[in-house]
Amino acid sequence: MKMIRQFAIISIICFLGEVIRSLLGIAVPGNVIGMILLLISLCCGIIKLELIEDISKFLLDHLPFFFIPAGVGLIASVSIIKDCWQYIVLIIVISTIIVMAITSITIQLFKRS
C-alpha cells in the first residue's frame, strides 16, 4: 500500500505538469515540468523525501526497462534513421562532450565550496 501511495504522489505531480503545459501552451514536455515541480516541492519541504523514497529507488533500480520501448521504436524507424545517421551520431557525440564538461565544472564548483 505504501508503494501505491508513493506512486500516486509522483503520478499526481506528473499530471500537474501536463496540466500546466496544456494551460500555458509551452513547448516543454509535461513530464519535465512535473520533475521541476517535484524538485521545488522537495526543496521547499512541501513533500518530504520519505514520502517518495521507496518508489523512487524501485523505479531507478528498474530504469533500463523503460528504455526498451524507445529501442524498439528506433528499430522500427530504421528506414528513416539510415538517411541521417551521421548527423545523429554527431549530435550524440557533441551533446555527450557538453554534458561531461558541464558535469565536471559543476563537481569542481561543489568541491570548492
PDB file of N, CA and C in Angstrom:
ATOM      1  N   MET A   1       0.818  -1.189   0.000  1.00  0.00           N
ATOM      2  CA  MET A   1       0.000   0.000   0.000  1.00  0.00           C
ATOM      3  C   MET A   1       0.867   1.260   0.000  1.00  0.00           C
ATOM      4  N   LYS A   2       2.020   1.167   0.696  1.00  0.00           N
ATOM      5  CA  LYS A   2       2.927   2.301   0.793  1.00  0.00           C
ATOM      6  C   LYS A   2       3.465   2.688  -0.580  1.00  0.00           C
ATOM      7  N   MET A   3       3.837   1.689  -1.373  1.00  0.00           N
ATOM      8  CA  MET A   3       4.382   1.946  -2.708  1.00  0.00           C
ATOM      9  C   MET A   3       3.315   2.551  -3.618  1.00  0.00           C
ATOM     10  N   ILE A   4       2.083   2.101  -3.483  1.00  0.00           N
ATOM     11  CA  ILE A   4       0.998   2.641  -4.310  1.00  0.00           C
ATOM     12  C   ILE A   4       0.772   4.114  -3.973  1.00  0.00           C
ATOM     13  N   ARG A   5       0.800   4.444  -2.690  1.00  0.00           N
ATOM     14  CA  ARG A   5       0.626   5.836  -2.278  1.00  0.00           C
ATOM     15  C   ARG A   5       1.775   6.701  -2.813  1.00  0.00           C
ATOM     16  N   GLN A   6       3.000   6.192  -2.731  1.00  0.00           N
ATOM     17  CA  GLN A   6       4.151   6.939  -3.234  1.00  0.00           C
ATOM     18  C   GLN A   6       4.066   7.117  -4.748  1.00  0.00           C
ATOM     19  N   PHE A   7       3.652   6.070  -5.435  1.00  0.00           N
ATOM     20  CA  PHE A   7       3.495   6.163  -6.890  1.00  0.00           C
ATOM     21  C   PHE A   7       2.394   7.158  -7.249  1.00  0.00           C
ATOM     22  N   ALA A   8       1.342   7.189  -6.450  1.00  0.00           N
ATOM     23  CA  ALA A   8       0.247   8.136  -6.693  1.00  0.00           C
ATOM     24  C   ALA A   8       0.733   9.577  -6.545  1.00  0.00           C
ATOM     25  N   ILE A   9       1.595   9.830  -5.571  1.00  0.00           N
ATOM     26  CA  ILE A   9       2.140  11.181  -5.384  1.00  0.00           C
ATOM     27  C   ILE A   9       2.927  11.610  -6.617  1.00  0.00           C
ATOM     28  N   ILE A  10       3.798  10.737  -7.101  1.00  0.00           N
ATOM     29  CA  ILE A  10       4.597  11.062  -8.284  1.00  0.00           C
ATOM     30  C   ILE A  10       3.699  11.211  -9.506  1.00  0.00           C
ATOM     31  N   SER A  11       2.701  10.351  -9.634  1.00  0.00           N
ATOM     32  CA  SER A  11       1.785  10.436 -10.779  1.00  0.00           C
ATOM     33  C   SER A  11       0.986  11.734 -10.768  1.00  0.00           C
ATOM     34  N   ILE A  12       0.545  12.158  -9.600  1.00  0.00           N
ATOM     35  CA  ILE A  12      -0.208  13.409  -9.496  1.00  0.00           C
ATOM     36  C   ILE A  12       0.669  14.592  -9.898  1.00  0.00           C
ATOM     37  N   ILE A  13       1.919  14.575  -9.475  1.00  0.00           N
ATOM     38  CA  ILE A  13       2.823  15.665  -9.842  1.00  0.00           C
ATOM     39  C   ILE A  13       3.069  15.671 -11.347  1.00  0.00           C
ATOM     40  N   CYS A  14       3.236  14.495 -11.946  1.00  0.00           N
ATOM     41  CA  CYS A  14       3.398  14.429 -13.407  1.00  0.00           C
ATOM     42  C   CYS A  14       2.139  14.923 -14.115  1.00  0.00           C
ATOM     43  N   PHE A  15       0.982  14.569 -13.580  1.00  0.00           N
ATOM     44  CA  PHE A  15      -0.280  15.044 -14.157  1.00  0.00           C
ATOM     45  C   PHE A  15      -0.385  16.564 -14.067  1.00  0.00           C
ATOM     46  N   LEU A  16       0.022  17.121 -12.938  1.00  0.00           N
ATOM     47  CA  LEU A  16       0.017  18.579 -12.793  1.00  0.00           C
ATOM     48  C   LEU A  16       0.940  19.235 -13.815  1.00  0.00           C
ATOM     49  N   GLY A  17       2.074  18.592 -14.084  1.00  0.00           N
ATOM     50  CA  GLY A  17       2.974  19.102 -15.117  1.00  0.00           C
ATOM     51  C   GLY A  17       2.313  19.120 -16.481  1.00  0.00           C
ATOM     52  N   GLU A  18       1.560  18.069 -16.799  1.00  0.00           N
ATOM     53  CA  GLU A  18       0.835  18.023 -18.073  1.00  0.00           C
ATOM     54  C   GLU A  18      -0.253  19.095 -18.136  1.00  0.00           C
ATOM     55  N   VAL A  19      -0.945  19.297 -17.019  1.00  0.00           N
ATOM     56  CA  VAL A  19      -1.990  20.328 -16.975  1.00  0.00           C
ATOM     57  C   VAL A  19      -1.382  21.709 -17.186  1.00  0.00           C
ATOM     58  N   ILE A  20      -0.277  21.977 -16.516  1.00  0.00           N
ATOM     59  CA  ILE A  20       0.396  23.272 -16.674  1.00  0.00           C
ATOM     60  C   ILE A  20       0.845  23.466 -18.114  1.00  0.00           C
ATOM     61  N   ARG A  21       1.397  22.418 -18.720  1.00  0.00           N
ATOM     62  CA  ARG A  21       1.849  22.512 -20.106  1.00  0.00           C
ATOM     63  C   ARG A  21       0.689  22.828 -21.041  1.00  0.00           C
ATOM     64  N   SER A  22      -0.424  22.145 -20.848  1.00  0.00           N
ATOM     65  CA  SER A  22      -1.554  22.376 -21.751  1.00  0.00           C
ATOM     66  C   SER A  22      -2.208  23.736 -21.520  1.00  0.00           C
ATOM     67  N   LEU A  23      -2.242  24.199 -20.279  1.00  0.00           N
ATOM     68  CA  LEU A  23      -2.839  25.506 -19.997  1.00  0.00           C
ATOM     69  C   LEU A  23      -1.983  26.657 -20.515  1.00  0.00           C
ATOM     70  N   LEU A  24      -0.668  26.531 -20.342  1.00  0.00           N
ATOM     71  CA  LEU A  24       0.229  27.603 -20.769  1.00  0.00           C
ATOM     72  C   LEU A  24       0.624  27.490 -22.233  1.00  0.00           C
ATOM     73  N   GLY A  25       0.476  26.301 -22.803  1.00  0.00           N
ATOM     74  CA  GLY A  25       0.811  26.097 -24.204  1.00  0.00           C
ATOM     75  C   GLY A  25       2.290  26.230 -24.502  1.00  0.00           C
ATOM     76  N   ILE A  26       3.137  25.881 -23.537  1.00  0.00           N
ATOM     77  CA  ILE A  26       4.579  25.984 -23.758  1.00  0.00           C
ATOM     78  C   ILE A  26       5.110  24.708 -24.396  1.00  0.00           C
ATOM     79  N   ALA A  27       6.298  24.811 -24.975  1.00  0.00           N
ATOM     80  CA  ALA A  27       6.866  23.693 -25.722  1.00  0.00           C
ATOM     81  C   ALA A  27       7.684  22.742 -24.852  1.00  0.00           C
ATOM     82  N   VAL A  28       7.601  22.882 -23.541  1.00  0.00           N
ATOM     83  CA  VAL A  28       8.320  21.993 -22.632  1.00  0.00           C
ATOM     84  C   VAL A  28       7.413  20.810 -22.314  1.00  0.00           C
ATOM     85  N   PRO A  29       7.936  19.573 -22.399  1.00  0.00           N
ATOM     86  CA  PRO A  29       7.094  18.410 -22.089  1.00  0.00           C
ATOM     87  C   PRO A  29       6.547  18.465 -20.661  1.00  0.00           C
ATOM     88  N   GLY A  30       5.354  17.944 -20.494  1.00  0.00           N
ATOM     89  CA  GLY A  30       4.705  17.958 -19.191  1.00  0.00           C
ATOM     90  C   GLY A  30       5.457  17.182 -18.128  1.00  0.00           C
ATOM     91  N   ASN A  31       6.117  16.092 -18.527  1.00  0.00           N
ATOM     92  CA  ASN A  31       6.861  15.323 -17.525  1.00  0.00           C
ATOM     93  C   ASN A  31       8.076  16.092 -17.014  1.00  0.00           C
ATOM     94  N   VAL A  32       8.666  16.946 -17.854  1.00  0.00           N
ATOM     95  CA  VAL A  32       9.784  17.782 -17.403  1.00  0.00           C
ATOM     96  C   VAL A  32       9.272  18.829 -16.413  1.00  0.00           C
ATOM     97  N   ILE A  33       8.137  19.423 -16.716  1.00  0.00           N
ATOM     98  CA  ILE A  33       7.528  20.382 -15.785  1.00  0.00           C
ATOM     99  C   ILE A  33       7.194  19.679 -14.475  1.00  0.00           C
ATOM    100  N   GLY A  34       6.712  18.442 -14.564  1.00  0.00           N
ATOM    101  CA  GLY A  34       6.419  17.666 -13.364  1.00  0.00           C
ATOM    102  C   GLY A  34       7.660  17.408 -12.528  1.00  0.00           C
ATOM    103  N   MET A  35       8.786  17.105 -13.189  1.00  0.00           N
ATOM    104  CA  MET A  35      10.031  16.886 -12.447  1.00  0.00           C
ATOM    105  C   MET A  35      10.489  18.169 -11.763  1.00  0.00           C
ATOM    106  N   ILE A  36      10.308  19.301 -12.443  1.00  0.00           N
ATOM    107  CA  ILE A  36      10.668  20.586 -11.835  1.00  0.00           C
ATOM    108  C   ILE A  36       9.767  20.860 -10.634  1.00  0.00           C
ATOM    109  N   LEU A  37       8.472  20.569 -10.772  1.00  0.00           N
ATOM    110  CA  LEU A  37       7.547  20.726  -9.642  1.00  0.00           C
ATOM    111  C   LEU A  37       7.952  19.834  -8.470  1.00  0.00           C
ATOM    112  N   LEU A  38       8.357  18.603  -8.771  1.00  0.00           N
ATOM    113  CA  LEU A  38       8.788  17.685  -7.720  1.00  0.00           C
ATOM    114  C   LEU A  38      10.043  18.207  -7.034  1.00  0.00           C
ATOM    115  N   LEU A  39      11.002  18.708  -7.812  1.00  0.00           N
ATOM    116  CA  LEU A  39      12.228  19.266  -7.234  1.00  0.00           C
ATOM    117  C   LEU A  39      11.913  20.444  -6.324  1.00  0.00           C
ATOM    118  N   ILE A  40      11.069  21.349  -6.802  1.00  0.00           N
ATOM    119  CA  ILE A  40      10.694  22.514  -5.990  1.00  0.00           C
ATOM    120  C   ILE A  40       9.976  22.063  -4.718  1.00  0.00           C
ATOM    121  N   SER A  41       9.083  21.090  -4.848  1.00  0.00           N
ATOM    122  CA  SER A  41       8.347  20.585  -3.683  1.00  0.00           C
ATOM    123  C   SER A  41       9.281  19.945  -2.665  1.00  0.00           C
ATOM    124  N   LEU A  42      10.281  19.219  -3.138  1.00  0.00           N
ATOM    125  CA  LEU A  42      11.243  18.599  -2.227  1.00  0.00           C
ATOM    126  C   LEU A  42      12.133  19.646  -1.569  1.00  0.00           C
ATOM    127  N   CYS A  43      12.596  20.620  -2.347  1.00  0.00           N
ATOM    128  CA  CYS A  43      13.480  21.658  -1.802  1.00  0.00           C
ATOM    129  C   CYS A  43      12.767  22.550  -0.789  1.00  0.00           C
ATOM    130  N   CYS A  44      11.503  22.828  -1.026  1.00  0.00           N
ATOM    131  CA  CYS A  44      10.733  23.703  -0.128  1.00  0.00           C
ATOM    132  C   CYS A  44      10.141  22.947   1.055  1.00  0.00           C
ATOM    133  N   GLY A  45      10.244  21.640   1.058  1.00  0.00           N
ATOM    134  CA  GLY A  45       9.702  20.856   2.157  1.00  0.00           C
ATOM    135  C   GLY A  45       8.219  20.579   2.046  1.00  0.00           C
ATOM    136  N   ILE A  46       7.629  20.886   0.898  1.00  0.00           N
ATOM    137  CA  ILE A  46       6.207  20.601   0.695  1.00  0.00           C
ATOM    138  C   ILE A  46       5.988  19.094   0.687  1.00  0.00           C
ATOM    139  N   ILE A  47       6.897  18.390   0.028  1.00  0.00           N
ATOM    140  CA  ILE A  47       6.885  16.927   0.012  1.00  0.00           C
ATOM    141  C   ILE A  47       8.156  16.456   0.698  1.00  0.00           C
ATOM    142  N   LYS A  48       8.013  15.602   1.660  1.00  0.00           N
ATOM    143  CA  LYS A  48       9.174  15.036   2.347  1.00  0.00           C
ATOM    144  C   LYS A  48       9.738  13.893   1.514  1.00  0.00           C
ATOM    145  N   LEU A  49      11.044  13.743   1.537  1.00  0.00           N
ATOM    146  CA  LEU A  49      11.706  12.703   0.759  1.00  0.00           C
ATOM    147  C   LEU A  49      11.185  11.318   1.130  1.00  0.00           C
ATOM    148  N   GLU A  50      10.868  11.118   2.388  1.00  0.00           N
ATOM    149  CA  GLU A  50      10.391   9.813   2.846  1.00  0.00           C
ATOM    150  C   GLU A  50       9.081   9.410   2.167  1.00  0.00           C
ATOM    151  N   LEU A  51       8.317  10.400   1.693  1.00  0.00           N
ATOM    152  CA  LEU A  51       7.030  10.103   1.057  1.00  0.00           C
ATOM    153  C   LEU A  51       7.179   9.460  -0.318  1.00  0.00           C
ATOM    154  N   ILE A  52       8.345   9.619  -0.960  1.00  0.00           N
ATOM    155  CA  ILE A  52       8.529   9.056  -2.305  1.00  0.00           C
ATOM    156  C   ILE A  52       9.825   8.263  -2.440  1.00  0.00           C
ATOM    157  N   GLU A  53      10.530   8.064  -1.345  1.00  0.00           N
ATOM    158  CA  GLU A  53      11.857   7.448  -1.405  1.00  0.00           C
ATOM    159  C   GLU A  53      11.823   6.007  -1.916  1.00  0.00           C
ATOM    160  N   ASP A  54      10.917   5.191  -1.401  1.00  0.00           N
ATOM    161  CA  ASP A  54      10.891   3.771  -1.771  1.00  0.00           C
ATOM    162  C   ASP A  54      10.545   3.573  -3.244  1.00  0.00           C
ATOM    163  N   ILE A  55       9.518   4.266  -3.726  1.00  0.00           N
ATOM    164  CA  ILE A  55       9.125   4.090  -5.126  1.00  0.00           C
ATOM    165  C   ILE A  55      10.185   4.672  -6.051  1.00  0.00           C
ATOM    166  N   SER A  56      10.848   5.746  -5.625  1.00  0.00           N
ATOM    167  CA  SER A  56      11.910   6.329  -6.446  1.00  0.00           C
ATOM    168  C   SER A  56      13.062   5.347  -6.600  1.00  0.00           C
ATOM    169  N   LYS A  57      13.431   4.694  -5.506  1.00  0.00           N
ATOM    170  CA  LYS A  57      14.505   3.700  -5.574  1.00  0.00           C
ATOM    171  C   LYS A  57      14.088   2.536  -6.473  1.00  0.00           C
ATOM    172  N   PHE A  58      12.850   2.088  -6.332  1.00  0.00           N
ATOM    173  CA  PHE A  58      12.350   0.995  -7.162  1.00  0.00           C
ATOM    174  C   PHE A  58      12.410   1.365  -8.642  1.00  0.00           C
ATOM    175  N   LEU A  59      11.929   2.562  -8.982  1.00  0.00           N
ATOM    176  CA  LEU A  59      11.923   2.990 -10.383  1.00  0.00           C
ATOM    177  C   LEU A  59      13.340   3.143 -10.929  1.00  0.00           C
ATOM    178  N   LEU A  60      14.252   3.667 -10.120  1.00  0.00           N
ATOM    179  CA  LEU A  60      15.639   3.806 -10.573  1.00  0.00           C
ATOM    180  C   LEU A  60      16.316   2.447 -10.734  1.00  0.00           C
ATOM    181  N   ASP A  61      15.987   1.499  -9.855  1.00  0.00           N
ATOM    182  CA  ASP A  61      16.556   0.152  -9.978  1.00  0.00           C
ATOM    183  C   ASP A  61      16.094  -0.543 -11.251  1.00  0.00           C
ATOM    184  N   HIS A  62      14.912  -0.201 -11.732  1.00  0.00           N
ATOM    185  CA  HIS A  62      14.351  -0.837 -12.925  1.00  0.00           C
ATOM    186  C   HIS A  62      14.355   0.095 -14.138  1.00  0.00           C
ATOM    187  N   LEU A  63      15.182   1.104 -14.114  1.00  0.00           N
ATOM    188  CA  LEU A  63      15.233   2.106 -15.176  1.00  0.00           C
ATOM    189  C   LEU A  63      15.509   1.531 -16.563  1.00  0.00           C
ATOM    190  N   PRO A  64      16.375   0.524 -16.708  1.00  0.00           N
ATOM    191  CA  PRO A  64      16.623   0.002 -18.065  1.00  0.00           C
ATOM    192  C   PRO A  64      15.370  -0.500 -18.777  1.00  0.00           C
ATOM    193  N   PHE A  65      14.390  -0.985 -18.036  1.00  0.00           N
ATOM    194  CA  PHE A  65      13.165  -1.470 -18.670  1.00  0.00           C
ATOM    195  C   PHE A  65      12.400  -0.354 -19.381  1.00  0.00           C
ATOM    196  N   PHE A  66      12.571   0.875 -18.903  1.00  0.00           N
ATOM    197  CA  PHE A  66      11.861   1.997 -19.515  1.00  0.00           C
ATOM    198  C   PHE A  66      12.450   2.388 -20.864  1.00  0.00           C
ATOM    199  N   PHE A  67      13.657   1.917 -21.170  1.00  0.00           N
ATOM    200  CA  PHE A  67      14.285   2.242 -22.451  1.00  0.00           C
ATOM    201  C   PHE A  67      13.944   1.230 -23.542  1.00  0.00           C
ATOM    202  N   ILE A  68      13.343   0.113 -23.191  1.00  0.00           N
ATOM    203  CA  ILE A  68      13.003  -0.911 -24.182  1.00  0.00           C
ATOM    204  C   ILE A  68      12.037  -0.376 -25.235  1.00  0.00           C
ATOM    205  N   PRO A  69      10.943   0.309 -24.878  1.00  0.00           N
ATOM    206  CA  PRO A  69      10.056   0.830 -25.930  1.00  0.00           C
ATOM    207  C   PRO A  69      10.757   1.812 -26.867  1.00  0.00           C
ATOM    208  N   ALA A  70      11.647   2.635 -26.332  1.00  0.00           N
ATOM    209  CA  ALA A  70      12.375   3.579 -27.189  1.00  0.00           C
ATOM    210  C   ALA A  70      13.286   2.831 -28.155  1.00  0.00           C
ATOM    211  N   GLY A  71      13.931   1.782 -27.681  1.00  0.00           N
ATOM    212  CA  GLY A  71      14.795   0.982 -28.558  1.00  0.00           C
ATOM    213  C   GLY A  71      14.013   0.284 -29.648  1.00  0.00           C
ATOM    214  N   VAL A  72      12.861  -0.244 -29.297  1.00  0.00           N
ATOM    215  CA  VAL A  72      12.006  -0.889 -30.299  1.00  0.00           C
ATOM    216  C   VAL A  72      11.527   0.139 -31.316  1.00  0.00           C
ATOM    217  N   GLY A  73      11.208   1.336 -30.851  1.00  0.00           N
ATOM    218  CA  GLY A  73      10.791   2.400 -31.760  1.00  0.00           C
ATOM    219  C   GLY A  73      11.892   2.784 -32.731  1.00  0.00           C
ATOM    220  N   LEU A  74      13.137   2.795 -32.255  1.00  0.00           N
ATOM    221  CA  LEU A  74      14.263   3.088 -33.147  1.00  0.00           C
ATOM    222  C   LEU A  74      14.427   2.001 -34.201  1.00  0.00           C
ATOM    223  N   ILE A  75      14.297   0.755 -33.786  1.00  0.00           N
ATOM    224  CA  ILE A  75      14.432  -0.347 -34.738  1.00  0.00           C
ATOM    225  C   ILE A  75      13.326  -0.277 -35.789  1.00  0.00           C
ATOM    226  N   ALA A  76      12.133   0.110 -35.371  1.00  0.00           N
ATOM    227  CA  ALA A  76      11.018   0.218 -36.312  1.00  0.00           C
ATOM    228  C   ALA A  76      11.197   1.392 -37.272  1.00  0.00           C
ATOM    229  N   SER A  77      12.038   2.358 -36.912  1.00  0.00           N
ATOM    230  CA  SER A  77      12.243   3.552 -37.742  1.00  0.00           C
ATOM    231  C   SER A  77      13.584   3.549 -38.458  1.00  0.00           C
ATOM    232  N   VAL A  78      14.168   2.391 -38.671  1.00  0.00           N
ATOM    233  CA  VAL A  78      15.491   2.311 -39.296  1.00  0.00           C
ATOM    234  C   VAL A  78      15.492   2.959 -40.673  1.00  0.00           C
ATOM    235  N   SER A  79      14.433   2.815 -41.424  1.00  0.00           N
ATOM    236  CA  SER A  79      14.401   3.385 -42.774  1.00  0.00           C
ATOM    237  C   SER A  79      14.504   4.911 -42.738  1.00  0.00           C
ATOM    238  N   ILE A  80      13.964   5.532 -41.720  1.00  0.00           N
ATOM    239  CA  ILE A  80      14.053   6.987 -41.586  1.00  0.00           C
ATOM    240  C   ILE A  80      15.437   7.388 -41.085  1.00  0.00           C
ATOM    241  N   ILE A  81      15.953   6.628 -40.139  1.00  0.00           N
ATOM    242  CA  ILE A  81      17.219   6.970 -39.499  1.00  0.00           C
ATOM    243  C   ILE A  81      18.412   6.747 -40.420  1.00  0.00           C
ATOM    244  N   LYS A  82      18.339   5.774 -41.315  1.00  0.00           N
ATOM    245  CA  LYS A  82      19.511   5.444 -42.128  1.00  0.00           C
ATOM    246  C   LYS A  82      19.933   6.583 -43.048  1.00  0.00           C
ATOM    247  N   ASP A  83      19.022   7.494 -43.365  1.00  0.00           N
ATOM    248  CA  ASP A  83      19.367   8.612 -44.230  1.00  0.00           C
ATOM    249  C   ASP A  83      20.144   9.708 -43.502  1.00  0.00           C
ATOM    250  N   CYS A  84      19.994   9.798 -42.198  1.00  0.00           N
ATOM    251  CA  CYS A  84      20.650  10.897 -41.475  1.00  0.00           C
ATOM    252  C   CYS A  84      21.416  10.402 -40.247  1.00  0.00           C
ATOM    253  N   TRP A  85      21.934   9.185 -40.279  1.00  0.00           N
ATOM    254  CA  TRP A  85      22.612   8.633 -39.117  1.00  0.00           C
ATOM    255  C   TRP A  85      23.879   9.406 -38.758  1.00  0.00           C
ATOM    256  N   GLN A  86      24.555   9.990 -39.752  1.00  0.00           N
ATOM    257  CA  GLN A  86      25.778  10.742 -39.469  1.00  0.00           C
ATOM    258  C   GLN A  86      25.475  11.944 -38.570  1.00  0.00           C
ATOM    259  N   TYR A  87      24.385  12.636 -38.873  1.00  0.00           N
ATOM    260  CA  TYR A  87      24.008  13.798 -38.070  1.00  0.00           C
ATOM    261  C   TYR A  87      23.621  13.382 -36.653  1.00  0.00           C
ATOM    262  N   ILE A  88      22.937  12.266 -36.547  1.00  0.00           N
ATOM    263  CA  ILE A  88      22.526  11.775 -35.231  1.00  0.00           C
ATOM    264  C   ILE A  88      23.745  11.435 -34.390  1.00  0.00           C
ATOM    265  N   VAL A  89      24.716  10.745 -34.986  1.00  0.00           N
ATOM    266  CA  VAL A  89      25.943  10.393 -34.262  1.00  0.00           C
ATOM    267  C   VAL A  89      26.697  11.657 -33.858  1.00  0.00           C
ATOM    268  N   LEU A  90      26.785  12.623 -34.758  1.00  0.00           N
ATOM    269  CA  LEU A  90      27.469  13.880 -34.455  1.00  0.00           C
ATOM    270  C   LEU A  90      26.794  14.604 -33.289  1.00  0.00           C
ATOM    271  N   ILE A  91      25.485  14.664 -33.308  1.00  0.00           N
ATOM    272  CA  ILE A  91      24.747  15.316 -32.218  1.00  0.00           C
ATOM    273  C   ILE A  91      24.968  14.580 -30.901  1.00  0.00           C
ATOM    274  N   ILE A  92      24.969  13.254 -30.942  1.00  0.00           N
ATOM    275  CA  ILE A  92      25.195  12.466 -29.726  1.00  0.00           C
ATOM    276  C   ILE A  92      26.582  12.735 -29.165  1.00  0.00           C
ATOM    277  N   VAL A  93      27.601  12.749 -30.031  1.00  0.00           N
ATOM    278  CA  VAL A  93      28.977  12.981 -29.575  1.00  0.00           C
ATOM    279  C   VAL A  93      29.114  14.382 -28.983  1.00  0.00           C
ATOM    280  N   ILE A  94      28.617  15.385 -29.688  1.00  0.00           N
ATOM    281  CA  ILE A  94      28.738  16.764 -29.203  1.00  0.00           C
ATOM    282  C   ILE A  94      27.985  16.953 -27.893  1.00  0.00           C
ATOM    283  N   SER A  95      26.762  16.437 -27.809  1.00  0.00           N
ATOM    284  CA  SER A  95      25.991  16.614 -26.573  1.00  0.00           C
ATOM    285  C   SER A  95      26.625  15.851 -25.414  1.00  0.00           C
ATOM    286  N   THR A  96      27.231  14.704 -25.683  1.00  0.00           N
ATOM    287  CA  THR A  96      27.924  13.961 -24.628  1.00  0.00           C
ATOM    288  C   THR A  96      29.109  14.756 -24.102  1.00  0.00           C
ATOM    289  N   ILE A  97      29.878  15.353 -24.993  1.00  0.00           N
ATOM    290  CA  ILE A  97      31.024  16.168 -24.579  1.00  0.00           C
ATOM    291  C   ILE A  97      30.555  17.361 -23.751  1.00  0.00           C
ATOM    292  N   ILE A  98      29.485  18.008 -24.184  1.00  0.00           N
ATOM    293  CA  ILE A  98      28.957  19.159 -23.440  1.00  0.00           C
ATOM    294  C   ILE A  98      28.496  18.736 -22.045  1.00  0.00           C
ATOM    295  N   VAL A  99      27.770  17.628 -21.961  1.00  0.00           N
ATOM    296  CA  VAL A  99      27.286  17.149 -20.658  1.00  0.00           C
ATOM    297  C   VAL A  99      28.455  16.791 -19.752  1.00  0.00           C
ATOM    298  N   MET A 100      29.475  16.122 -20.288  1.00  0.00           N
ATOM    299  CA  MET A 100      30.637  15.761 -19.475  1.00  0.00           C
ATOM    300  C   MET A 100      31.361  17.009 -18.979  1.00  0.00           C
ATOM    301  N   ALA A 101      31.508  18.014 -19.839  1.00  0.00           N
ATOM    302  CA  ALA A 101      32.192  19.246 -19.442  1.00  0.00           C
ATOM    303  C   ALA A 101      31.413  19.983 -18.359  1.00  0.00           C
ATOM    304  N   ILE A 102      30.115  20.123 -18.545  1.00  0.00           N
ATOM    305  CA  ILE A 102      29.298  20.832 -17.555  1.00  0.00           C
ATOM    306  C   ILE A 102      29.267  20.069 -16.234  1.00  0.00           C
ATOM    307  N   THR A 103      29.208  18.749 -16.312  1.00  0.00           N
ATOM    308  CA  THR A 103      29.222  17.940 -15.090  1.00  0.00           C
ATOM    309  C   THR A 103      30.530  18.116 -14.339  1.00  0.00           C
ATOM    310  N   SER A 104      31.653  18.088 -15.053  1.00  0.00           N
ATOM    311  CA  SER A 104      32.945  18.242 -14.377  1.00  0.00           C
ATOM    312  C   SER A 104      33.092  19.630 -13.767  1.00  0.00           C
ATOM    313  N   ILE A 105      32.625  20.657 -14.468  1.00  0.00           N
ATOM    314  CA  ILE A 105      32.680  22.020 -13.919  1.00  0.00           C
ATOM    315  C   ILE A 105      31.811  22.122 -12.669  1.00  0.00           C
ATOM    316  N   THR A 106      30.626  21.533 -12.715  1.00  0.00           N
ATOM    317  CA  THR A 106      29.727  21.567 -11.560  1.00  0.00           C
ATOM    318  C   THR A 106      30.342  20.856 -10.366  1.00  0.00           C
ATOM    319  N   ILE A 107      30.939  19.703 -10.590  1.00  0.00           N
ATOM    320  CA  ILE A 107      31.573  18.957  -9.499  1.00  0.00           C
ATOM    321  C   ILE A 107      32.722  19.753  -8.906  1.00  0.00           C
ATOM    322  N   GLN A 108      33.530  20.387  -9.756  1.00  0.00           N
ATOM    323  CA  GLN A 108      34.636  21.206  -9.251  1.00  0.00           C
ATOM    324  C   GLN A 108      34.125  22.375  -8.421  1.00  0.00           C
ATOM    325  N   LEU A 109      33.043  23.006  -8.854  1.00  0.00           N
ATOM    326  CA  LEU A 109      32.478  24.119  -8.086  1.00  0.00           C
ATOM    327  C   LEU A 109      31.957  23.654  -6.730  1.00  0.00           C
ATOM    328  N   PHE A 110      31.332  22.481  -6.695  1.00  0.00           N
ATOM    329  CA  PHE A 110      30.830  21.965  -5.423  1.00  0.00           C
ATOM    330  C   PHE A 110      31.965  21.552  -4.496  1.00  0.00           C
ATOM    331  N   LYS A 111      33.058  21.035  -5.049  1.00  0.00           N
ATOM    332  CA  LYS A 111      34.198  20.643  -4.212  1.00  0.00           C
ATOM    333  C   LYS A 111      34.872  21.860  -3.594  1.00  0.00           C
ATOM    334  N   ARG A 112      34.873  22.985  -4.313  1.00  0.00           N
ATOM    335  CA  ARG A 112      35.492  24.205  -3.787  1.00  0.00           C
ATOM    336  C   ARG A 112      34.672  24.818  -2.661  1.00  0.00           C
ATOM    337  N   SER A 113      33.354  24.663  -2.731  1.00  0.00           N
ATOM    338  CA  SER A 113      32.525  25.304  -1.694  1.00  0.00           C
ATOM    339  C   SER A 113      32.238  24.409  -0.532  1.00  0.00           C
TER     340      SER A 113
END
